[in-house]
Amino acid sequence: MMRILFITSNRLGDAVISTGVLDTLQKRYPAAMFTVVCGPVAAGLFEADPRCERIITMEKRRHDRHWIDLWRACFRTRWFMVVDLRGSLLGLTLRARRRIIVRGGRRPGRRIEQLGEALGYRRTPMPHVWTSDAQRANATATLPKGRWLALGPTANWDGKIWPPERFVELAQALRAENLRPVVFYGPGEGERARAEPVLKALPDALDLGGNKSLGEVAALLQRCALFVGNDSGLMHLAAAAGAPTLGLFGPSRASEYAPAGRLARFVEAPGPEGHAPINELDVSAVLKAATKILHEKDVCASGGCAD
């Protein structure tokens, strides 16, 4: 059997961005089965992928011993291809007919385009998510037909978080578009605490955060008319799931990590990129961008959206 080893990021956002590469490889090699290496947070991205026969979660250990553990898990297999998006030397030590090693680390330019260029793709590999029949059915039951506004008020550090009262003001303004809010956030008490002010101020909002799998979250996001959230892994997941997505950027760089998708857009706080305070981003600017996306979505739904 043709087997491909695919090593992606530990971080959720980068792992989501890399799914476009994986999807492109699967289309190029339809007979291949894939082993995916990622961090524990990102593992759920690949659970519903029918071409993924094994997921290896790699947790950092002292003295880089996690790479030794990974080598032990992989060295017995004769790989058709090793694709390493983390720029390690592991691929050089495994038996493989072909190796693609992408230089790691951050550098200027969109990460998604860098991956495509490194693998020689003429078209940027757009992120992709896999969901199961059961996950989609549960999402339909949870979010029946309607116009749902997904809010992502958390992030991995507080500097990237738009003030919760502005999420509330935005949600209230978007009621004019017949949107009902649903709130997403990740597992853990910290995530819950960051989302709590928004949930308390929007008593009719559905609470969809917590310990759901990434596949479940992706299926729920596919039911939403719009996602608005901070620069985060959840933002990238929303765009990959095909939800119209508006990412909010302050002290992070949209030029590197803007969401990627047909109706994925971003709005930035005023100031130098990478240093702009997120609390300088006005509700009016976000509302304008959000309503523009909704209009574009309606145009696409009526058949007027270009491919």
C-alpha atoms as a PDB file:
ATOM      1  CA  MET A   1       0.000   0.000   0.000  1.00  0.00           C
ATOM      2  CA  MET A   2       1.156   3.529  -0.792  1.00  0.00           C
ATOM      3  CA  ARG A   3       1.648   5.402   2.485  1.00  0.00           C
ATOM      4  CA  ILE A   4       2.394   9.099   3.029  1.00  0.00           C
ATOM      5  CA  LEU A   5       3.604  10.622   6.288  1.00  0.00           C
ATOM      6  CA  PHE A   6       2.270  14.147   6.804  1.00  0.00           C
ATOM      7  CA  ILE A   7       3.844  16.162   9.637  1.00  0.00           C
ATOM      8  CA  THR A   8       1.991  19.351  10.491  1.00  0.00           C
ATOM      9  CA  SER A   9       1.921  21.930  13.276  1.00  0.00           C
ATOM     10  CA  ASN A  10       1.137  21.494  16.951  1.00  0.00           C
ATOM     11  CA  ARG A  11      -0.832  24.773  16.873  1.00  0.00           C
ATOM     12  CA  LEU A  12      -4.460  24.589  15.780  1.00  0.00           C
ATOM     13  CA  GLY A  13      -4.400  27.587  13.430  1.00  0.00           C
ATOM     14  CA  ASP A  14      -1.326  26.418  11.524  1.00  0.00           C
ATOM     15  CA  ALA A  15      -2.666  22.873  11.393  1.00  0.00           C
ATOM     16  CA  VAL A  16      -5.935  24.122   9.870  1.00  0.00           C
ATOM     17  CA  ILE A  17      -3.992  26.114   7.271  1.00  0.00           C
ATOM     18  CA  SER A  18      -2.063  22.949   6.345  1.00  0.00           C
ATOM     19  CA  THR A  19      -5.221  20.938   5.644  1.00  0.00           C
ATOM     20  CA  GLY A  20      -5.299  22.387   2.137  1.00  0.00           C
ATOM     21  CA  VAL A  21      -1.940  20.764   1.425  1.00  0.00           C
ATOM     22  CA  LEU A  22      -3.198  17.435   2.770  1.00  0.00           C
ATOM     23  CA  ASP A  23      -6.367  17.649   0.690  1.00  0.00           C
ATOM     24  CA  THR A  24      -4.327  18.423  -2.443  1.00  0.00           C
ATOM     25  CA  LEU A  25      -2.014  15.479  -1.784  1.00  0.00           C
ATOM     26  CA  GLN A  26      -4.996  13.181  -1.368  1.00  0.00           C
ATOM     27  CA  LYS A  27      -6.365  14.269  -4.724  1.00  0.00           C
ATOM     28  CA  ARG A  28      -2.970  13.863  -6.387  1.00  0.00           C
ATOM     29  CA  TYR A  29      -2.408  10.385  -4.926  1.00  0.00           C
ATOM     30  CA  PRO A  30      -5.875   8.777  -4.760  1.00  0.00           C
ATOM     31  CA  ALA A  31      -4.491   5.340  -3.815  1.00  0.00           C
ATOM     32  CA  ALA A  32      -2.459   6.594  -0.854  1.00  0.00           C
ATOM     33  CA  MET A  33      -3.273   6.343   2.832  1.00  0.00           C
ATOM     34  CA  PHE A  34      -1.972   8.954   5.228  1.00  0.00           C
ATOM     35  CA  THR A  35      -0.432   9.067   8.667  1.00  0.00           C
ATOM     36  CA  VAL A  36      -0.792  12.539  10.173  1.00  0.00           C
ATOM     37  CA  VAL A  37       1.503  13.880  12.885  1.00  0.00           C
ATOM     38  CA  CYS A  38       0.232  16.877  14.849  1.00  0.00           C
ATOM     39  CA  GLY A  39      -0.249  18.259  18.345  1.00  0.00           C
ATOM     40  CA  PRO A  40      -3.017  16.998  20.647  1.00  0.00           C
ATOM     41  CA  VAL A  41      -5.091  20.160  20.139  1.00  0.00           C
ATOM     42  CA  ALA A  42      -5.184  19.663  16.365  1.00  0.00           C
ATOM     43  CA  ALA A  43      -5.754  15.890  16.279  1.00  0.00           C
ATOM     44  CA  GLY A  44      -9.521  16.215  15.957  1.00  0.00           C
ATOM     45  CA  LEU A  45      -9.124  17.918  12.588  1.00  0.00           C
ATOM     46  CA  PHE A  46      -8.231  14.612  10.968  1.00  0.00           C
ATOM     47  CA  GLU A  47     -10.440  12.105  12.798  1.00  0.00           C
ATOM     48  CA  ALA A  48     -13.196  12.135  10.158  1.00  0.00           C
ATOM     49  CA  ASP A  49     -10.796  12.027   7.197  1.00  0.00           C
ATOM     50  CA  PRO A  50     -11.402   8.635   5.524  1.00  0.00           C
ATOM     51  CA  ARG A  51      -7.906   8.654   4.001  1.00  0.00           C
ATOM     52  CA  CYS A  52      -6.188   9.129   7.364  1.00  0.00           C
ATOM     53  CA  GLU A  53      -5.365   5.676   8.732  1.00  0.00           C
ATOM     54  CA  ARG A  54      -3.382   6.878  11.729  1.00  0.00           C
ATOM     55  CA  ILE A  55      -2.981  10.050  13.800  1.00  0.00           C
ATOM     56  CA  ILE A  56       0.184  10.432  15.852  1.00  0.00           C
ATOM     57  CA  THR A  57      -0.054  13.157  18.471  1.00  0.00           C
ATOM     58  CA  MET A  58       3.286  14.649  19.370  1.00  0.00           C
ATOM     59  CA  GLU A  59       3.682  16.432  22.682  1.00  0.00           C
ATOM     60  CA  LYS A  60       6.852  18.353  23.367  1.00  0.00           C
ATOM     61  CA  ARG A  61       9.350  16.687  25.705  1.00  0.00           C
ATOM     62  CA  ARG A  62      12.606  17.877  27.183  1.00  0.00           C
ATOM     63  CA  HIS A  63      15.706  17.724  25.007  1.00  0.00           C
ATOM     64  CA  ASP A  64      13.541  17.245  21.879  1.00  0.00           C
ATOM     65  CA  ARG A  65      12.829  13.660  22.871  1.00  0.00           C
ATOM     66  CA  HIS A  66       9.431  13.893  21.167  1.00  0.00           C
ATOM     67  CA  TRP A  67      11.256  13.658  17.821  1.00  0.00           C
ATOM     68  CA  ILE A  68      12.935  10.449  18.960  1.00  0.00           C
ATOM     69  CA  ASP A  69       9.537   9.049  19.946  1.00  0.00           C
ATOM     70  CA  LEU A  70       8.183   9.975  16.531  1.00  0.00           C
ATOM     71  CA  TRP A  71      11.098   8.330  14.745  1.00  0.00           C
ATOM     72  CA  ARG A  72      10.489   5.134  16.696  1.00  0.00           C
ATOM     73  CA  ALA A  73       6.839   5.213  15.633  1.00  0.00           C
ATOM     74  CA  CYS A  74       7.697   5.670  11.949  1.00  0.00           C
ATOM     75  CA  PHE A  75      11.047   4.080  11.090  1.00  0.00           C
ATOM     76  CA  ARG A  76       9.722   0.568  10.369  1.00  0.00           C
ATOM     77  CA  THR A  77       7.454   1.801   7.555  1.00  0.00           C
ATOM     78  CA  ARG A  78       8.690   2.197   4.001  1.00  0.00           C
ATOM     79  CA  TRP A  79       7.038   5.472   3.062  1.00  0.00           C
ATOM     80  CA  PHE A  80       6.082   6.490  -0.436  1.00  0.00           C
ATOM     81  CA  MET A  81       6.487  10.114   0.663  1.00  0.00           C
ATOM     82  CA  VAL A  82       7.327  12.119   3.757  1.00  0.00           C
ATOM     83  CA  VAL A  83       5.911  15.670   3.880  1.00  0.00           C
ATOM     84  CA  ASP A  84       7.312  17.631   6.808  1.00  0.00           C
ATOM     85  CA  LEU A  85       5.841  21.095   7.272  1.00  0.00           C
ATOM     86  CA  ARG A  86       7.882  21.671  10.423  1.00  0.00           C
ATOM     87  CA  GLY A  87      11.275  21.656   8.734  1.00  0.00           C
ATOM     88  CA  SER A  88      12.797  18.922  10.880  1.00  0.00           C
ATOM     89  CA  LEU A  89      15.486  16.438   9.890  1.00  0.00           C
ATOM     90  CA  LEU A  90      13.251  13.461  10.635  1.00  0.00           C
ATOM     91  CA  GLY A  91      12.311  12.902   7.008  1.00  0.00           C
ATOM     92  CA  LEU A  92      15.962  12.430   6.067  1.00  0.00           C
ATOM     93  CA  THR A  93      16.262   9.502   8.473  1.00  0.00           C
ATOM     94  CA  LEU A  94      13.227   7.526   7.264  1.00  0.00           C
ATOM     95  CA  ARG A  95      12.964   5.208   4.289  1.00  0.00           C
ATOM     96  CA  ALA A  96      11.005   7.146   1.676  1.00  0.00           C
ATOM     97  CA  ARG A  97      10.884   7.393  -2.119  1.00  0.00           C
ATOM     98  CA  ARG A  98      10.307  11.133  -1.914  1.00  0.00           C
ATOM     99  CA  ARG A  99      10.761  13.807   0.732  1.00  0.00           C
ATOM    100  CA  ILE A 100       9.301  17.307   0.936  1.00  0.00           C
ATOM    101  CA  ILE A 101      10.657  19.348   3.823  1.00  0.00           C
ATOM    102  CA  VAL A 102       9.277  22.862   4.256  1.00  0.00           C
ATOM    103  CA  ARG A 103      11.422  25.313   6.158  1.00  0.00           C
ATOM    104  CA  GLY A 104       9.944  26.026   9.579  1.00  0.00           C
ATOM    105  CA  GLY A 105       9.710  29.290  11.474  1.00  0.00           C
ATOM    106  CA  ARG A 106       7.853  32.513  10.764  1.00  0.00           C
ATOM    107  CA  ARG A 107       8.680  34.807   7.876  1.00  0.00           C
ATOM    108  CA  PRO A 108       6.865  37.631   6.045  1.00  0.00           C
ATOM    109  CA  GLY A 109       3.968  36.709   3.781  1.00  0.00           C
ATOM    110  CA  ARG A 110       0.853  34.585   4.068  1.00  0.00           C
ATOM    111  CA  ARG A 111       1.581  31.211   5.562  1.00  0.00           C
ATOM    112  CA  ILE A 112      -0.940  29.473   3.329  1.00  0.00           C
ATOM    113  CA  GLU A 113       0.759  30.811   0.198  1.00  0.00           C
ATOM    114  CA  GLN A 114       4.206  29.865   1.522  1.00  0.00           C
ATOM    115  CA  LEU A 115       3.083  26.260   1.902  1.00  0.00           C
ATOM    116  CA  GLY A 116       1.718  26.154  -1.618  1.00  0.00           C
ATOM    117  CA  GLU A 117       4.879  27.635  -3.090  1.00  0.00           C
ATOM    118  CA  ALA A 118       7.114  25.259  -1.131  1.00  0.00           C
ATOM    119  CA  LEU A 119       5.263  22.259  -2.568  1.00  0.00           C
ATOM    120  CA  GLY A 120       5.236  23.689  -6.073  1.00  0.00           C
ATOM    121  CA  TYR A 121       1.486  24.188  -6.363  1.00  0.00           C
ATOM    122  CA  ARG A 122       0.288  26.689  -8.936  1.00  0.00           C
ATOM    123  CA  ARG A 123      -2.881  27.371  -6.935  1.00  0.00           C
ATOM    124  CA  THR A 124      -2.934  28.124  -3.234  1.00  0.00           C
ATOM    125  CA  PRO A 125      -4.147  24.985  -1.382  1.00  0.00           C
ATOM    126  CA  MET A 126      -7.233  26.194   0.463  1.00  0.00           C
ATOM    127  CA  PRO A 127      -7.933  24.726   3.914  1.00  0.00           C
ATOM    128  CA  HIS A 128     -10.370  21.843   4.128  1.00  0.00           C
ATOM    129  CA  VAL A 129     -12.246  20.162   6.976  1.00  0.00           C
ATOM    130  CA  TRP A 130     -13.651  16.642   7.239  1.00  0.00           C
ATOM    131  CA  THR A 131     -16.861  15.950   9.139  1.00  0.00           C
ATOM    132  CA  SER A 132     -18.762  12.726   9.673  1.00  0.00           C
ATOM    133  CA  ASP A 133     -22.409  12.014   8.888  1.00  0.00           C
ATOM    134  CA  ALA A 134     -23.134  11.870  12.603  1.00  0.00           C
ATOM    135  CA  GLN A 135     -21.466  15.208  13.257  1.00  0.00           C
ATOM    136  CA  ARG A 136     -23.445  16.885  10.486  1.00  0.00           C
ATOM    137  CA  ALA A 137     -26.694  15.351  11.710  1.00  0.00           C
ATOM    138  CA  ASN A 138     -26.047  16.528  15.268  1.00  0.00           C
ATOM    139  CA  ALA A 139     -25.201  20.012  13.988  1.00  0.00           C
ATOM    140  CA  THR A 140     -28.489  20.158  12.081  1.00  0.00           C
ATOM    141  CA  ALA A 141     -30.380  19.170  15.217  1.00  0.00           C
ATOM    142  CA  THR A 142     -28.530  21.762  17.318  1.00  0.00           C
ATOM    143  CA  LEU A 143     -28.766  24.577  14.780  1.00  0.00           C
ATOM    144  CA  PRO A 144     -31.876  24.011  12.684  1.00  0.00           C
ATOM    145  CA  LYS A 145     -32.607  26.122   9.658  1.00  0.00           C
ATOM    146  CA  GLY A 146     -32.121  29.796  10.458  1.00  0.00           C
ATOM    147  CA  ARG A 147     -29.594  32.617  10.395  1.00  0.00           C
ATOM    148  CA  TRP A 148     -26.992  31.972  13.063  1.00  0.00           C
ATOM    149  CA  LEU A 149     -24.246  34.404  14.035  1.00  0.00           C
ATOM    150  CA  ALA A 150     -21.189  32.565  15.347  1.00  0.00           C
ATOM    151  CA  LEU A 151     -19.068  34.574  17.776  1.00  0.00           C
ATOM    152  CA  GLY A 152     -15.508  33.639  18.720  1.00  0.00           C
ATOM    153  CA  PRO A 153     -14.662  35.951  21.644  1.00  0.00           C
ATOM    154  CA  THR A 154     -11.548  34.098  22.879  1.00  0.00           C
ATOM    155  CA  ALA A 155      -7.944  33.665  21.741  1.00  0.00           C
ATOM    156  CA  ASN A 156      -4.716  32.110  22.968  1.00  0.00           C
ATOM    157  CA  TRP A 157      -3.561  35.379  24.558  1.00  0.00           C
ATOM    158  CA  ASP A 158      -5.477  38.337  25.902  1.00  0.00           C
ATOM    159  CA  GLY A 159      -3.776  40.905  23.643  1.00  0.00           C
ATOM    160  CA  LYS A 160      -5.675  39.490  20.651  1.00  0.00           C
ATOM    161  CA  ILE A 161      -9.101  39.605  22.308  1.00  0.00           C
ATOM    162  CA  TRP A 162     -11.582  42.254  21.192  1.00  0.00           C
ATOM    163  CA  PRO A 163     -13.419  43.605  24.275  1.00  0.00           C
ATOM    164  CA  PRO A 164     -16.425  41.413  25.107  1.00  0.00           C
ATOM    165  CA  GLU A 165     -18.823  44.350  25.313  1.00  0.00           C
ATOM    166  CA  ARG A 166     -18.087  45.083  21.652  1.00  0.00           C
ATOM    167  CA  PHE A 167     -18.976  41.546  20.640  1.00  0.00           C
ATOM    168  CA  VAL A 168     -22.256  42.133  22.467  1.00  0.00           C
ATOM    169  CA  GLU A 169     -22.855  45.467  20.725  1.00  0.00           C
ATOM    170  CA  LEU A 170     -22.098  43.881  17.364  1.00  0.00           C
ATOM    171  CA  ALA A 171     -24.466  40.968  17.979  1.00  0.00           C
ATOM    172  CA  GLN A 172     -27.245  43.351  18.971  1.00  0.00           C
ATOM    173  CA  ALA A 173     -26.689  45.453  15.847  1.00  0.00           C
ATOM    174  CA  LEU A 174     -26.772  42.368  13.626  1.00  0.00           C
ATOM    175  CA  ARG A 175     -30.207  41.427  14.915  1.00  0.00           C
ATOM    176  CA  ALA A 176     -31.378  43.770  12.161  1.00  0.00           C
ATOM    177  CA  GLU A 177     -30.070  41.084   9.768  1.00  0.00           C
ATOM    178  CA  ASN A 178     -32.181  38.454  11.591  1.00  0.00           C
ATOM    179  CA  LEU A 179     -29.063  36.854  13.059  1.00  0.00           C
ATOM    180  CA  ARG A 180     -29.226  34.963  16.349  1.00  0.00           C
ATOM    181  CA  PRO A 181     -25.921  34.631  18.232  1.00  0.00           C
ATOM    182  CA  VAL A 182     -24.148  31.411  19.132  1.00  0.00           C
ATOM    183  CA  VAL A 183     -20.914  31.524  21.126  1.00  0.00           C
ATOM    184  CA  PHE A 184     -17.946  29.225  20.486  1.00  0.00           C
ATOM    185  CA  TYR A 185     -14.866  28.760  22.644  1.00  0.00           C
ATOM    186  CA  GLY A 186     -12.353  26.062  23.406  1.00  0.00           C
ATOM    187  CA  PRO A 187     -11.967  23.641  26.312  1.00  0.00           C
ATOM    188  CA  GLY A 188     -10.766  24.707  29.746  1.00  0.00           C
ATOM    189  CA  GLU A 189     -11.730  27.162  32.458  1.00  0.00           C
ATOM    190  CA  GLY A 190      -9.707  29.986  30.916  1.00  0.00           C
ATOM    191  CA  GLU A 191     -11.635  29.819  27.646  1.00  0.00           C
ATOM    192  CA  ARG A 192     -14.930  29.667  29.501  1.00  0.00           C
ATOM    193  CA  ALA A 193     -14.007  32.695  31.622  1.00  0.00           C
ATOM    194  CA  ARG A 194     -13.175  34.739  28.524  1.00  0.00           C
ATOM    195  CA  ALA A 195     -16.489  33.856  26.893  1.00  0.00           C
ATOM    196  CA  GLU A 196     -18.601  34.330  30.031  1.00  0.00           C
ATOM    197  CA  PRO A 197     -19.155  38.131  29.740  1.00  0.00           C
ATOM    198  CA  VAL A 198     -20.548  37.708  26.218  1.00  0.00           C
ATOM    199  CA  LEU A 199     -22.812  34.835  27.269  1.00  0.00           C
ATOM    200  CA  LYS A 200     -24.160  36.775  30.259  1.00  0.00           C
ATOM    201  CA  ALA A 201     -24.907  39.873  28.181  1.00  0.00           C
ATOM    202  CA  LEU A 202     -26.635  37.850  25.434  1.00  0.00           C
ATOM    203  CA  PRO A 203     -29.064  35.611  27.351  1.00  0.00           C
ATOM    204  CA  ASP A 204     -30.629  34.243  24.161  1.00  0.00           C
ATOM    205  CA  ALA A 205     -27.259  33.180  22.724  1.00  0.00           C
ATOM    206  CA  LEU A 206     -26.583  29.464  22.417  1.00  0.00           C
ATOM    207  CA  ASP A 207     -23.530  28.291  24.329  1.00  0.00           C
ATOM    208  CA  LEU A 208     -21.618  25.939  21.997  1.00  0.00           C
ATOM    209  CA  GLY A 209     -18.232  26.056  23.663  1.00  0.00           C
ATOM    210  CA  GLY A 210     -16.318  23.616  25.783  1.00  0.00           C
ATOM    211  CA  ASN A 211     -15.220  20.095  25.062  1.00  0.00           C
ATOM    212  CA  LYS A 212     -16.690  19.454  21.624  1.00  0.00           C
ATOM    213  CA  SER A 213     -14.464  17.751  19.078  1.00  0.00           C
ATOM    214  CA  LEU A 214     -13.104  19.845  16.234  1.00  0.00           C
ATOM    215  CA  GLY A 215     -15.217  17.889  13.768  1.00  0.00           C
ATOM    216  CA  GLU A 216     -18.349  18.714  15.768  1.00  0.00           C
ATOM    217  CA  VAL A 217     -17.384  22.384  15.889  1.00  0.00           C
ATOM    218  CA  ALA A 218     -16.685  22.460  12.153  1.00  0.00           C
ATOM    219  CA  ALA A 219     -20.083  20.914  11.396  1.00  0.00           C
ATOM    220  CA  LEU A 220     -21.787  23.520  13.601  1.00  0.00           C
ATOM    221  CA  LEU A 221     -19.880  26.360  11.941  1.00  0.00           C
ATOM    222  CA  GLN A 222     -21.071  25.129   8.550  1.00  0.00           C
ATOM    223  CA  ARG A 223     -24.615  25.896   9.741  1.00  0.00           C
ATOM    224  CA  CYS A 224     -23.815  29.551  10.501  1.00  0.00           C
ATOM    225  CA  ALA A 225     -24.525  32.539   8.266  1.00  0.00           C
ATOM    226  CA  LEU A 226     -21.486  34.401   9.600  1.00  0.00           C
ATOM    227  CA  PHE A 227     -18.566  33.916  11.977  1.00  0.00           C
ATOM    228  CA  VAL A 228     -16.950  36.928  13.681  1.00  0.00           C
ATOM    229  CA  GLY A 229     -14.021  36.279  15.972  1.00  0.00           C
ATOM    230  CA  ASN A 230     -10.535  37.085  17.108  1.00  0.00           C
ATOM    231  CA  ASP A 231      -7.458  35.855  15.272  1.00  0.00           C
ATOM    232  CA  SER A 232      -7.390  32.261  16.537  1.00  0.00           C
ATOM    233  CA  GLY A 233      -7.502  28.638  15.543  1.00  0.00           C
ATOM    234  CA  LEU A 234     -11.291  28.820  15.718  1.00  0.00           C
ATOM    235  CA  MET A 235     -11.260  31.639  13.144  1.00  0.00           C
ATOM    236  CA  HIS A 236      -9.229  29.493  10.747  1.00  0.00           C
ATOM    237  CA  LEU A 237     -11.516  26.515  11.384  1.00  0.00           C
ATOM    238  CA  ALA A 238     -14.598  28.614  10.561  1.00  0.00           C
ATOM    239  CA  ALA A 239     -13.112  29.731   7.247  1.00  0.00           C
ATOM    240  CA  ALA A 240     -12.008  26.190   6.395  1.00  0.00           C
ATOM    241  CA  ALA A 241     -15.498  24.901   7.164  1.00  0.00           C
ATOM    242  CA  GLY A 242     -16.879  27.306   4.570  1.00  0.00           C
ATOM    243  CA  ALA A 243     -18.597  29.690   6.964  1.00  0.00           C
ATOM    244  CA  PRO A 244     -18.473  33.349   5.888  1.00  0.00           C
ATOM    245  CA  THR A 245     -15.743  34.542   8.221  1.00  0.00           C
ATOM    246  CA  LEU A 246     -14.612  37.902   9.564  1.00  0.00           C
ATOM    247  CA  GLY A 247     -11.339  37.817  11.510  1.00  0.00           C
ATOM    248  CA  LEU A 248     -10.462  40.602  13.947  1.00  0.00           C
ATOM    249  CA  PHE A 249      -6.809  41.624  14.087  1.00  0.00           C
ATOM    250  CA  GLY A 250      -4.882  43.891  16.439  1.00  0.00           C
ATOM    251  CA  PRO A 251      -1.366  42.949  17.562  1.00  0.00           C
ATOM    252  CA  SER A 252      -1.171  40.016  15.159  1.00  0.00           C
ATOM    253  CA  ARG A 253      -0.444  40.121  11.447  1.00  0.00           C
ATOM    254  CA  ALA A 254      -3.227  39.669   8.940  1.00  0.00           C
ATOM    255  CA  SER A 255      -0.571  39.685   6.217  1.00  0.00           C
ATOM    256  CA  GLU A 256       0.562  36.314   7.605  1.00  0.00           C
ATOM    257  CA  TYR A 257      -2.558  34.783   9.133  1.00  0.00           C
ATOM    258  CA  ALA A 258      -5.670  36.261   7.529  1.00  0.00           C
ATOM    259  CA  PRO A 259      -8.437  33.655   7.253  1.00  0.00           C
ATOM    260  CA  ALA A 260      -8.562  31.841   3.922  1.00  0.00           C
ATOM    261  CA  GLY A 261     -11.819  31.000   2.189  1.00  0.00           C
ATOM    262  CA  ARG A 262     -14.275  32.127  -0.439  1.00  0.00           C
ATOM    263  CA  LEU A 263     -16.040  34.519   1.947  1.00  0.00           C
ATOM    264  CA  ALA A 264     -13.226  34.969   4.465  1.00  0.00           C
ATOM    265  CA  ARG A 265     -12.275  38.554   5.259  1.00  0.00           C
ATOM    266  CA  PHE A 266     -10.548  40.472   8.030  1.00  0.00           C
ATOM    267  CA  VAL A 267     -10.595  43.886   9.654  1.00  0.00           C
ATOM    268  CA  GLU A 268      -7.629  45.413  11.468  1.00  0.00           C
ATOM    269  CA  ALA A 269      -7.325  47.857  14.337  1.00  0.00           C
ATOM    270  CA  PRO A 270      -5.742  51.154  13.297  1.00  0.00           C
ATOM    271  CA  GLY A 271      -2.014  51.359  13.846  1.00  0.00           C
ATOM    272  CA  PRO A 272       1.171  49.625  12.737  1.00  0.00           C
ATOM    273  CA  GLU A 273       0.618  46.002  11.788  1.00  0.00           C
ATOM    274  CA  GLY A 274       1.610  43.645  14.547  1.00  0.00           C
ATOM    275  CA  HIS A 275       1.441  46.368  17.190  1.00  0.00           C
ATOM    276  CA  ALA A 276      -2.061  47.836  16.917  1.00  0.00           C
ATOM    277  CA  PRO A 277      -4.129  47.583  20.133  1.00  0.00           C
ATOM    278  CA  ILE A 278      -7.214  45.472  19.488  1.00  0.00           C
ATOM    279  CA  ASN A 279      -9.329  47.763  21.672  1.00  0.00           C
ATOM    280  CA  GLU A 280      -8.837  50.510  19.078  1.00  0.00           C
ATOM    281  CA  LEU A 281     -11.012  48.533  16.666  1.00  0.00           C
ATOM    282  CA  ASP A 282     -14.452  50.194  16.533  1.00  0.00           C
ATOM    283  CA  VAL A 283     -17.727  48.305  16.395  1.00  0.00           C
ATOM    284  CA  SER A 284     -18.749  50.433  13.411  1.00  0.00           C
ATOM    285  CA  ALA A 285     -15.809  49.149  11.332  1.00  0.00           C
ATOM    286  CA  VAL A 286     -16.583  45.527  12.214  1.00  0.00           C
ATOM    287  CA  LEU A 287     -20.300  45.984  11.558  1.00  0.00           C
ATOM    288  CA  LYS A 288     -19.593  47.496   8.141  1.00  0.00           C
ATOM    289  CA  ALA A 289     -17.345  44.593   7.191  1.00  0.00           C
ATOM    290  CA  ALA A 290     -19.819  42.027   8.549  1.00  0.00           C
ATOM    291  CA  THR A 291     -22.784  43.407   6.615  1.00  0.00           C
ATOM    292  CA  LYS A 292     -20.681  43.497   3.454  1.00  0.00           C
ATOM    293  CA  ILE A 293     -19.886  39.788   3.836  1.00  0.00           C
ATOM    294  CA  LEU A 294     -23.568  39.014   4.405  1.00  0.00           C
ATOM    295  CA  HIS A 295     -24.414  40.884   1.217  1.00  0.00           C
ATOM    296  CA  GLU A 296     -21.748  38.961  -0.700  1.00  0.00           C
ATOM    297  CA  LYS A 297     -23.143  35.720   0.709  1.00  0.00           C
ATOM    298  CA  ASP A 298     -26.644  36.603  -0.468  1.00  0.00           C
ATOM    299  CA  VAL A 299     -25.312  37.454  -3.921  1.00  0.00           C
ATOM    300  CA  CYS A 300     -23.505  34.093  -4.084  1.00  0.00           C
ATOM    301  CA  ALA A 301     -26.658  32.273  -2.942  1.00  0.00           C
ATOM    302  CA  SER A 302     -28.576  33.850  -5.821  1.00  0.00           C
ATOM    303  CA  GLY A 303     -26.002  32.574  -8.311  1.00  0.00           C
ATOM    304  CA  GLY A 304     -24.094  35.803  -8.841  1.00  0.00           C
ATOM    305  CA  CYS A 305     -20.841  34.815  -7.138  1.00  0.00           C
ATOM    306  CA  ALA A 306     -17.842  34.208  -9.400  1.00  0.00           C
ATOM    307  CA  ASP A 307     -15.889  30.980  -8.880  1.00  0.00           C
END
